Amino acid sequence: MKPVEIYTTPICGFCVAAKNLLKKKGVEFTEIDVMRAPERRAEMTQRSNGGRTAPQTFLDGKPIGGCDDLFDLEYDGQLDRMLADA
């Protein structure tokens, strides 16, 4: 499975939902808490091409987007394909 990173904050319901979806699918991910490490927020914004809200999800280093984007991929049946090894 390709590496997944997710930038989050602990008080964000959308972050919880995105992480729960990934956990439900058995996806291991690296979580970066931008509330505890605020210096990482600028990194998140740069990597996500301007995405300033948490969560921001990256698959194999590429930006996927926020919670709605992740759920849209799941709904459309694309997330599993994207997560699979190339």
PDB file of N, CA and C in Angstrom:
ATOM      1  N   MET A   1       0.841  -1.184   0.000  1.00  0.00           N
ATOM      2  CA  MET A   1       0.000   0.000   0.000  1.00  0.00           C
ATOM      3  C   MET A   1       0.885   1.246   0.000  1.00  0.00           C
ATOM      4  N   LYS A   2       0.459   2.236  -0.724  1.00  0.00           N
ATOM      5  CA  LYS A   2       1.222   3.476  -0.815  1.00  0.00           C
ATOM      6  C   LYS A   2       1.160   4.226   0.513  1.00  0.00           C
ATOM      7  N   PRO A   3       2.203   5.006   0.838  1.00  0.00           N
ATOM      8  CA  PRO A   3       2.203   5.739   2.106  1.00  0.00           C
ATOM      9  C   PRO A   3       1.150   6.848   2.121  1.00  0.00           C
ATOM     10  N   VAL A   4       0.504   6.993   3.265  1.00  0.00           N
ATOM     11  CA  VAL A   4      -0.524   8.010   3.458  1.00  0.00           C
ATOM     12  C   VAL A   4      -0.108   8.895   4.626  1.00  0.00           C
ATOM     13  N   GLU A   5      -0.218  10.202   4.422  1.00  0.00           N
ATOM     14  CA  GLU A   5       0.026  11.183   5.473  1.00  0.00           C
ATOM     15  C   GLU A   5      -1.221  12.036   5.600  1.00  0.00           C
ATOM     16  N   ILE A   6      -1.537  12.423   6.837  1.00  0.00           N
ATOM     17  CA  ILE A   6      -2.700  13.277   7.049  1.00  0.00           C
ATOM     18  C   ILE A   6      -2.363  14.330   8.096  1.00  0.00           C
ATOM     19  N   TYR A   7      -2.550  15.577   7.719  1.00  0.00           N
ATOM     20  CA  TYR A   7      -2.368  16.706   8.625  1.00  0.00           C
ATOM     21  C   TYR A   7      -3.701  16.944   9.325  1.00  0.00           C
ATOM     22  N   THR A   8      -3.668  17.018  10.655  1.00  0.00           N
ATOM     23  CA  THR A   8      -4.896  17.107  11.440  1.00  0.00           C
ATOM     24  C   THR A   8      -4.755  18.101  12.586  1.00  0.00           C
ATOM     25  N   THR A   9      -5.885  18.322  13.257  1.00  0.00           N
ATOM     26  CA  THR A   9      -5.902  18.950  14.577  1.00  0.00           C
ATOM     27  C   THR A   9      -6.795  18.082  15.459  1.00  0.00           C
ATOM     28  N   PRO A  10      -6.557  18.062  16.772  1.00  0.00           N
ATOM     29  CA  PRO A  10      -7.334  17.175  17.642  1.00  0.00           C
ATOM     30  C   PRO A  10      -8.777  17.639  17.872  1.00  0.00           C
ATOM     31  N   ILE A  11      -9.106  18.867  17.522  1.00  0.00           N
ATOM     32  CA  ILE A  11     -10.450  19.387  17.784  1.00  0.00           C
ATOM     33  C   ILE A  11     -11.309  19.440  16.517  1.00  0.00           C
ATOM     34  N   CYS A  12     -10.885  18.753  15.489  1.00  0.00           N
ATOM     35  CA  CYS A  12     -11.536  18.826  14.181  1.00  0.00           C
ATOM     36  C   CYS A  12     -12.338  17.557  13.917  1.00  0.00           C
ATOM     37  N   GLY A  13     -13.659  17.699  13.828  1.00  0.00           N
ATOM     38  CA  GLY A  13     -14.515  16.552  13.533  1.00  0.00           C
ATOM     39  C   GLY A  13     -14.261  15.965  12.156  1.00  0.00           C
ATOM     40  N   PHE A  14     -13.911  16.811  11.188  1.00  0.00           N
ATOM     41  CA  PHE A  14     -13.609  16.318   9.847  1.00  0.00           C
ATOM     42  C   PHE A  14     -12.330  15.485   9.857  1.00  0.00           C
ATOM     43  N   CYS A  15     -11.370  15.875  10.694  1.00  0.00           N
ATOM     44  CA  CYS A  15     -10.130  15.098  10.832  1.00  0.00           C
ATOM     45  C   CYS A  15     -10.443  13.716  11.390  1.00  0.00           C
ATOM     46  N   VAL A  16     -11.294  13.675  12.403  1.00  0.00           N
ATOM     47  CA  VAL A  16     -11.690  12.396  13.009  1.00  0.00           C
ATOM     48  C   VAL A  16     -12.375  11.518  11.965  1.00  0.00           C
ATOM     49  N   ALA A  17     -13.272  12.098  11.186  1.00  0.00           N
ATOM     50  CA  ALA A  17     -13.989  11.330  10.161  1.00  0.00           C
ATOM     51  C   ALA A  17     -13.028  10.774   9.106  1.00  0.00           C
ATOM     52  N   ALA A  18     -12.096  11.602   8.663  1.00  0.00           N
ATOM     53  CA  ALA A  18     -11.128  11.154   7.650  1.00  0.00           C
ATOM     54  C   ALA A  18     -10.253  10.026   8.204  1.00  0.00           C
ATOM     55  N   LYS A  19      -9.777  10.188   9.429  1.00  0.00           N
ATOM     56  CA  LYS A  19      -8.949   9.139  10.037  1.00  0.00           C
ATOM     57  C   LYS A  19      -9.753   7.860  10.239  1.00  0.00           C
ATOM     58  N   ASN A  20     -11.015   7.990  10.636  1.00  0.00           N
ATOM     59  CA  ASN A  20     -11.855   6.805  10.834  1.00  0.00           C
ATOM     60  C   ASN A  20     -12.074   6.054   9.524  1.00  0.00           C
ATOM     61  N   LEU A  21     -12.260   6.781   8.425  1.00  0.00           N
ATOM     62  CA  LEU A  21     -12.405   6.123   7.126  1.00  0.00           C
ATOM     63  C   LEU A  21     -11.148   5.334   6.788  1.00  0.00           C
ATOM     64  N   LEU A  22      -9.994   5.956   6.980  1.00  0.00           N
ATOM     65  CA  LEU A  22      -8.741   5.271   6.683  1.00  0.00           C
ATOM     66  C   LEU A  22      -8.554   4.044   7.575  1.00  0.00           C
ATOM     67  N   LYS A  23      -8.868   4.192   8.869  1.00  0.00           N
ATOM     68  CA  LYS A  23      -8.743   3.064   9.797  1.00  0.00           C
ATOM     69  C   LYS A  23      -9.689   1.932   9.408  1.00  0.00           C
ATOM     70  N   LYS A  24     -10.928   2.288   9.044  1.00  0.00           N
ATOM     71  CA  LYS A  24     -11.930   1.288   8.641  1.00  0.00           C
ATOM     72  C   LYS A  24     -11.444   0.489   7.437  1.00  0.00           C
ATOM     73  N   LYS A  25     -10.698   1.131   6.569  1.00  0.00           N
ATOM     74  CA  LYS A  25     -10.172   0.474   5.376  1.00  0.00           C
ATOM     75  C   LYS A  25      -8.856  -0.255   5.660  1.00  0.00           C
ATOM     76  N   GLY A  26      -8.348  -0.168   6.901  1.00  0.00           N
ATOM     77  CA  GLY A  26      -7.105  -0.826   7.263  1.00  0.00           C
ATOM     78  C   GLY A  26      -5.867  -0.110   6.758  1.00  0.00           C
ATOM     79  N   VAL A  27      -5.999   1.188   6.502  1.00  0.00           N
ATOM     80  CA  VAL A  27      -4.887   1.978   5.971  1.00  0.00           C
ATOM     81  C   VAL A  27      -4.052   2.532   7.120  1.00  0.00           C
ATOM     82  N   GLU A  28      -2.774   2.224   7.088  1.00  0.00           N
ATOM     83  CA  GLU A  28      -1.853   2.835   8.047  1.00  0.00           C
ATOM     84  C   GLU A  28      -1.480   4.207   7.515  1.00  0.00           C
ATOM     85  N   PHE A  29      -1.382   5.182   8.413  1.00  0.00           N
ATOM     86  CA  PHE A  29      -1.063   6.532   7.983  1.00  0.00           C
ATOM     87  C   PHE A  29      -0.195   7.224   9.023  1.00  0.00           C
ATOM     88  N   THR A  30       0.511   8.226   8.565  1.00  0.00           N
ATOM     89  CA  THR A  30       1.290   9.089   9.437  1.00  0.00           C
ATOM     90  C   THR A  30       0.464  10.330   9.697  1.00  0.00           C
ATOM     91  N   GLU A  31       0.233  10.630  10.960  1.00  0.00           N
ATOM     92  CA  GLU A  31      -0.558  11.803  11.330  1.00  0.00           C
ATOM     93  C   GLU A  31       0.362  12.930  11.772  1.00  0.00           C
ATOM     94  N   ILE A  32       0.113  14.113  11.247  1.00  0.00           N
ATOM     95  CA  ILE A  32       0.871  15.305  11.618  1.00  0.00           C
ATOM     96  C   ILE A  32      -0.120  16.274  12.236  1.00  0.00           C
ATOM     97  N   ASP A  33       0.005  16.487  13.540  1.00  0.00           N
ATOM     98  CA  ASP A  33      -0.900  17.355  14.285  1.00  0.00           C
ATOM     99  C   ASP A  33      -0.381  18.791  14.200  1.00  0.00           C
ATOM    100  N   VAL A  34      -1.050  19.618  13.401  1.00  0.00           N
ATOM    101  CA  VAL A  34      -0.582  20.992  13.193  1.00  0.00           C
ATOM    102  C   VAL A  34      -0.957  21.916  14.344  1.00  0.00           C
ATOM    103  N   MET A  35      -1.734  21.419  15.307  1.00  0.00           N
ATOM    104  CA  MET A  35      -2.007  22.218  16.502  1.00  0.00           C
ATOM    105  C   MET A  35      -0.839  22.091  17.481  1.00  0.00           C
ATOM    106  N   ARG A  36      -0.301  20.883  17.598  1.00  0.00           N
ATOM    107  CA  ARG A  36       0.840  20.667  18.486  1.00  0.00           C
ATOM    108  C   ARG A  36       2.164  21.062  17.830  1.00  0.00           C
ATOM    109  N   ALA A  37       2.196  21.065  16.523  1.00  0.00           N
ATOM    110  CA  ALA A  37       3.397  21.459  15.774  1.00  0.00           C
ATOM    111  C   ALA A  37       2.980  22.533  14.757  1.00  0.00           C
ATOM    112  N   PRO A  38       2.674  23.744  15.222  1.00  0.00           N
ATOM    113  CA  PRO A  38       2.144  24.776  14.329  1.00  0.00           C
ATOM    114  C   PRO A  38       3.086  25.152  13.191  1.00  0.00           C
ATOM    115  N   GLU A  39       4.358  24.902  13.367  1.00  0.00           N
ATOM    116  CA  GLU A  39       5.314  25.198  12.296  1.00  0.00           C
ATOM    117  C   GLU A  39       5.093  24.308  11.081  1.00  0.00           C
ATOM    118  N   ARG A  40       4.378  23.209  11.256  1.00  0.00           N
ATOM    119  CA  ARG A  40       4.097  22.287  10.154  1.00  0.00           C
ATOM    120  C   ARG A  40       2.906  22.736   9.297  1.00  0.00           C
ATOM    121  N   ARG A  41       2.129  23.724   9.787  1.00  0.00           N
ATOM    122  CA  ARG A  41       0.970  24.200   9.031  1.00  0.00           C
ATOM    123  C   ARG A  41       1.395  24.822   7.699  1.00  0.00           C
ATOM    124  N   ALA A  42       2.462  25.591   7.699  1.00  0.00           N
ATOM    125  CA  ALA A  42       2.954  26.191   6.450  1.00  0.00           C
ATOM    126  C   ALA A  42       3.371  25.095   5.467  1.00  0.00           C
ATOM    127  N   GLU A  43       3.991  24.048   5.981  1.00  0.00           N
ATOM    128  CA  GLU A  43       4.365  22.902   5.157  1.00  0.00           C
ATOM    129  C   GLU A  43       3.117  22.260   4.540  1.00  0.00           C
ATOM    130  N   MET A  44       2.073  22.087   5.350  1.00  0.00           N
ATOM    131  CA  MET A  44       0.816  21.506   4.878  1.00  0.00           C
ATOM    132  C   MET A  44       0.229  22.357   3.751  1.00  0.00           C
ATOM    133  N   THR A  45       0.202  23.661   3.958  1.00  0.00           N
ATOM    134  CA  THR A  45      -0.377  24.568   2.963  1.00  0.00           C
ATOM    135  C   THR A  45       0.407  24.526   1.663  1.00  0.00           C
ATOM    136  N   GLN A  46       1.714  24.497   1.767  1.00  0.00           N
ATOM    137  CA  GLN A  46       2.548  24.450   0.566  1.00  0.00           C
ATOM    138  C   GLN A  46       2.347  23.128  -0.179  1.00  0.00           C
ATOM    139  N   ARG A  47       2.392  22.028   0.557  1.00  0.00           N
ATOM    140  CA  ARG A  47       2.272  20.705  -0.071  1.00  0.00           C
ATOM    141  C   ARG A  47       0.904  20.490  -0.707  1.00  0.00           C
ATOM    142  N   SER A  48      -0.122  21.115  -0.125  1.00  0.00           N
ATOM    143  CA  SER A  48      -1.486  20.905  -0.614  1.00  0.00           C
ATOM    144  C   SER A  48      -1.899  21.946  -1.651  1.00  0.00           C
ATOM    145  N   ASN A  49      -0.936  22.707  -2.131  1.00  0.00           N
ATOM    146  CA  ASN A  49      -1.214  23.732  -3.139  1.00  0.00           C
ATOM    147  C   ASN A  49      -2.222  24.762  -2.638  1.00  0.00           C
ATOM    148  N   GLY A  50      -2.056  25.167  -1.370  1.00  0.00           N
ATOM    149  CA  GLY A  50      -2.882  26.234  -0.814  1.00  0.00           C
ATOM    150  C   GLY A  50      -3.959  25.789   0.154  1.00  0.00           C
ATOM    151  N   GLY A  51      -4.116  24.491   0.371  1.00  0.00           N
ATOM    152  CA  GLY A  51      -5.112  24.002   1.331  1.00  0.00           C
ATOM    153  C   GLY A  51      -4.728  24.414   2.740  1.00  0.00           C
ATOM    154  N   ARG A  52      -5.577  25.217   3.374  1.00  0.00           N
ATOM    155  CA  ARG A  52      -5.233  25.770   4.684  1.00  0.00           C
ATOM    156  C   ARG A  52      -5.997  25.133   5.831  1.00  0.00           C
ATOM    157  N   THR A  53      -6.991  24.309   5.516  1.00  0.00           N
ATOM    158  CA  THR A  53      -7.798  23.707   6.566  1.00  0.00           C
ATOM    159  C   THR A  53      -7.423  22.240   6.743  1.00  0.00           C
ATOM    160  N   ALA A  54      -7.555  21.789   7.978  1.00  0.00           N
ATOM    161  CA  ALA A  54      -7.315  20.384   8.281  1.00  0.00           C
ATOM    162  C   ALA A  54      -8.638  19.642   8.164  1.00  0.00           C
ATOM    163  N   PRO A  55      -8.591  18.399   7.724  1.00  0.00           N
ATOM    164  CA  PRO A  55      -7.412  17.643   7.366  1.00  0.00           C
ATOM    165  C   PRO A  55      -6.967  17.908   5.930  1.00  0.00           C
ATOM    166  N   GLN A  56      -5.722  17.625   5.698  1.00  0.00           N
ATOM    167  CA  GLN A  56      -5.172  17.561   4.340  1.00  0.00           C
ATOM    168  C   GLN A  56      -4.498  16.199   4.232  1.00  0.00           C
ATOM    169  N   THR A  57      -4.878  15.445   3.227  1.00  0.00           N
ATOM    170  CA  THR A  57      -4.410  14.073   3.068  1.00  0.00           C
ATOM    171  C   THR A  57      -3.508  13.961   1.847  1.00  0.00           C
ATOM    172  N   PHE A  58      -2.454  13.174   1.999  1.00  0.00           N
ATOM    173  CA  PHE A  58      -1.493  12.947   0.918  1.00  0.00           C
ATOM    174  C   PHE A  58      -1.317  11.450   0.720  1.00  0.00           C
ATOM    175  N   LEU A  59      -1.357  11.055  -0.519  1.00  0.00           N
ATOM    176  CA  LEU A  59      -1.180   9.655  -0.883  1.00  0.00           C
ATOM    177  C   LEU A  59       0.043   9.552  -1.768  1.00  0.00           C
ATOM    178  N   ASP A  60       1.034   8.829  -1.280  1.00  0.00           N
ATOM    179  CA  ASP A  60       2.293   8.679  -2.009  1.00  0.00           C
ATOM    180  C   ASP A  60       2.897  10.056  -2.323  1.00  0.00           C
ATOM    181  N   GLY A  61       2.732  10.992  -1.369  1.00  0.00           N
ATOM    182  CA  GLY A  61       3.289  12.331  -1.499  1.00  0.00           C
ATOM    183  C   GLY A  61       2.447  13.300  -2.301  1.00  0.00           C
ATOM    184  N   LYS A  62       1.367  12.822  -2.896  1.00  0.00           N
ATOM    185  CA  LYS A  62       0.521  13.678  -3.731  1.00  0.00           C
ATOM    186  C   LYS A  62      -0.704  14.130  -2.939  1.00  0.00           C
ATOM    187  N   PRO A  63      -1.105  15.396  -3.084  1.00  0.00           N
ATOM    188  CA  PRO A  63      -2.263  15.888  -2.329  1.00  0.00           C
ATOM    189  C   PRO A  63      -3.572  15.264  -2.815  1.00  0.00           C
ATOM    190  N   ILE A  64      -4.357  14.798  -1.865  1.00  0.00           N
ATOM    191  CA  ILE A  64      -5.690  14.253  -2.137  1.00  0.00           C
ATOM    192  C   ILE A  64      -6.745  15.303  -1.822  1.00  0.00           C
ATOM    193  N   GLY A  65      -6.506  16.087  -0.772  1.00  0.00           N
ATOM    194  CA  GLY A  65      -7.455  17.119  -0.364  1.00  0.00           C
ATOM    195  C   GLY A  65      -7.928  16.887   1.054  1.00  0.00           C
ATOM    196  N   GLY A  66      -9.086  17.449   1.341  1.00  0.00           N
ATOM    197  CA  GLY A  66      -9.656  17.381   2.676  1.00  0.00           C
ATOM    198  C   GLY A  66     -10.572  16.190   2.862  1.00  0.00           C
ATOM    199  N   CYS A  67     -11.348  16.266   3.912  1.00  0.00           N
ATOM    200  CA  CYS A  67     -12.247  15.172   4.275  1.00  0.00           C
ATOM    201  C   CYS A  67     -13.257  14.889   3.169  1.00  0.00           C
ATOM    202  N   ASP A  68     -13.900  15.912   2.653  1.00  0.00           N
ATOM    203  CA  ASP A  68     -14.899  15.709   1.600  1.00  0.00           C
ATOM    204  C   ASP A  68     -14.278  15.055   0.368  1.00  0.00           C
ATOM    205  N   ASP A  69     -13.074  15.475   0.023  1.00  0.00           N
ATOM    206  CA  ASP A  69     -12.389  14.898  -1.139  1.00  0.00           C
ATOM    207  C   ASP A  69     -12.118  13.415  -0.918  1.00  0.00           C
ATOM    208  N   LEU A  70     -11.690  13.067   0.292  1.00  0.00           N
ATOM    209  CA  LEU A  70     -11.402  11.674   0.618  1.00  0.00           C
ATOM    210  C   LEU A  70     -12.674  10.827   0.527  1.00  0.00           C
ATOM    211  N   PHE A  71     -13.769  11.332   1.090  1.00  0.00           N
ATOM    212  CA  PHE A  71     -15.031  10.601   1.045  1.00  0.00           C
ATOM    213  C   PHE A  71     -15.592  10.533  -0.379  1.00  0.00           C
ATOM    214  N   ASP A  72     -15.381  11.568  -1.176  1.00  0.00           N
ATOM    215  CA  ASP A  72     -15.807  11.527  -2.578  1.00  0.00           C
ATOM    216  C   ASP A  72     -15.079  10.418  -3.328  1.00  0.00           C
ATOM    217  N   LEU A  73     -13.781  10.285  -3.083  1.00  0.00           N
ATOM    218  CA  LEU A  73     -13.008   9.214  -3.720  1.00  0.00           C
ATOM    219  C   LEU A  73     -13.533   7.844  -3.296  1.00  0.00           C
ATOM    220  N   GLU A  74     -13.860   7.711  -2.021  1.00  0.00           N
ATOM    221  CA  GLU A  74     -14.408   6.452  -1.515  1.00  0.00           C
ATOM    222  C   GLU A  74     -15.764   6.165  -2.165  1.00  0.00           C
ATOM    223  N   TYR A  75     -16.615   7.153  -2.211  1.00  0.00           N
ATOM    224  CA  TYR A  75     -17.957   6.996  -2.781  1.00  0.00           C
ATOM    225  C   TYR A  75     -17.899   6.615  -4.259  1.00  0.00           C
ATOM    226  N   ASP A  76     -16.958   7.207  -4.962  1.00  0.00           N
ATOM    227  CA  ASP A  76     -16.803   6.935  -6.400  1.00  0.00           C
ATOM    228  C   ASP A  76     -16.044   5.639  -6.682  1.00  0.00           C
ATOM    229  N   GLY A  77     -15.586   4.960  -5.620  1.00  0.00           N
ATOM    230  CA  GLY A  77     -14.875   3.704  -5.803  1.00  0.00           C
ATOM    231  C   GLY A  77     -13.429   3.863  -6.246  1.00  0.00           C
ATOM    232  N   GLN A  78     -12.880   5.046  -6.130  1.00  0.00           N
ATOM    233  CA  GLN A  78     -11.524   5.300  -6.597  1.00  0.00           C
ATOM    234  C   GLN A  78     -10.465   5.158  -5.501  1.00  0.00           C
ATOM    235  N   LEU A  79     -10.868   5.273  -4.240  1.00  0.00           N
ATOM    236  CA  LEU A  79      -9.879   5.304  -3.158  1.00  0.00           C
ATOM    237  C   LEU A  79      -9.087   3.999  -3.072  1.00  0.00           C
ATOM    238  N   ASP A  80      -9.761   2.870  -3.149  1.00  0.00           N
ATOM    239  CA  ASP A  80      -9.047   1.596  -3.065  1.00  0.00           C
ATOM    240  C   ASP A  80      -8.017   1.450  -4.166  1.00  0.00           C
ATOM    241  N   ARG A  81      -8.393   1.834  -5.354  1.00  0.00           N
ATOM    242  CA  ARG A  81      -7.457   1.749  -6.486  1.00  0.00           C
ATOM    243  C   ARG A  81      -6.246   2.655  -6.246  1.00  0.00           C
ATOM    244  N   MET A  82      -6.496   3.834  -5.728  1.00  0.00           N
ATOM    245  CA  MET A  82      -5.405   4.776  -5.480  1.00  0.00           C
ATOM    246  C   MET A  82      -4.474   4.292  -4.370  1.00  0.00           C
ATOM    247  N   LEU A  83      -5.042   3.583  -3.399  1.00  0.00           N
ATOM    248  CA  LEU A  83      -4.249   3.088  -2.267  1.00  0.00           C
ATOM    249  C   LEU A  83      -3.406   1.868  -2.626  1.00  0.00           C
ATOM    250  N   ALA A  84      -3.831   1.120  -3.618  1.00  0.00           N
ATOM    251  CA  ALA A  84      -3.141  -0.111  -3.998  1.00  0.00           C
ATOM    252  C   ALA A  84      -1.723   0.192  -4.487  1.00  0.00           C
ATOM    253  N   ASP A  85      -0.857  -0.743  -4.282  1.00  0.00           N
ATOM    254  CA  ASP A  85       0.516  -0.593  -4.773  1.00  0.00           C
ATOM    255  C   ASP A  85       0.514  -0.497  -6.291  1.00  0.00           C
ATOM    256  N   ALA A  86       1.409   0.314  -6.788  1.00  0.00           N
ATOM    257  CA  ALA A  86       1.527   0.464  -8.251  1.00  0.00           C
ATOM    258  C   ALA A  86       2.204  -0.752  -8.837  1.00  0.00           C
TER     259      ALA A  86
END
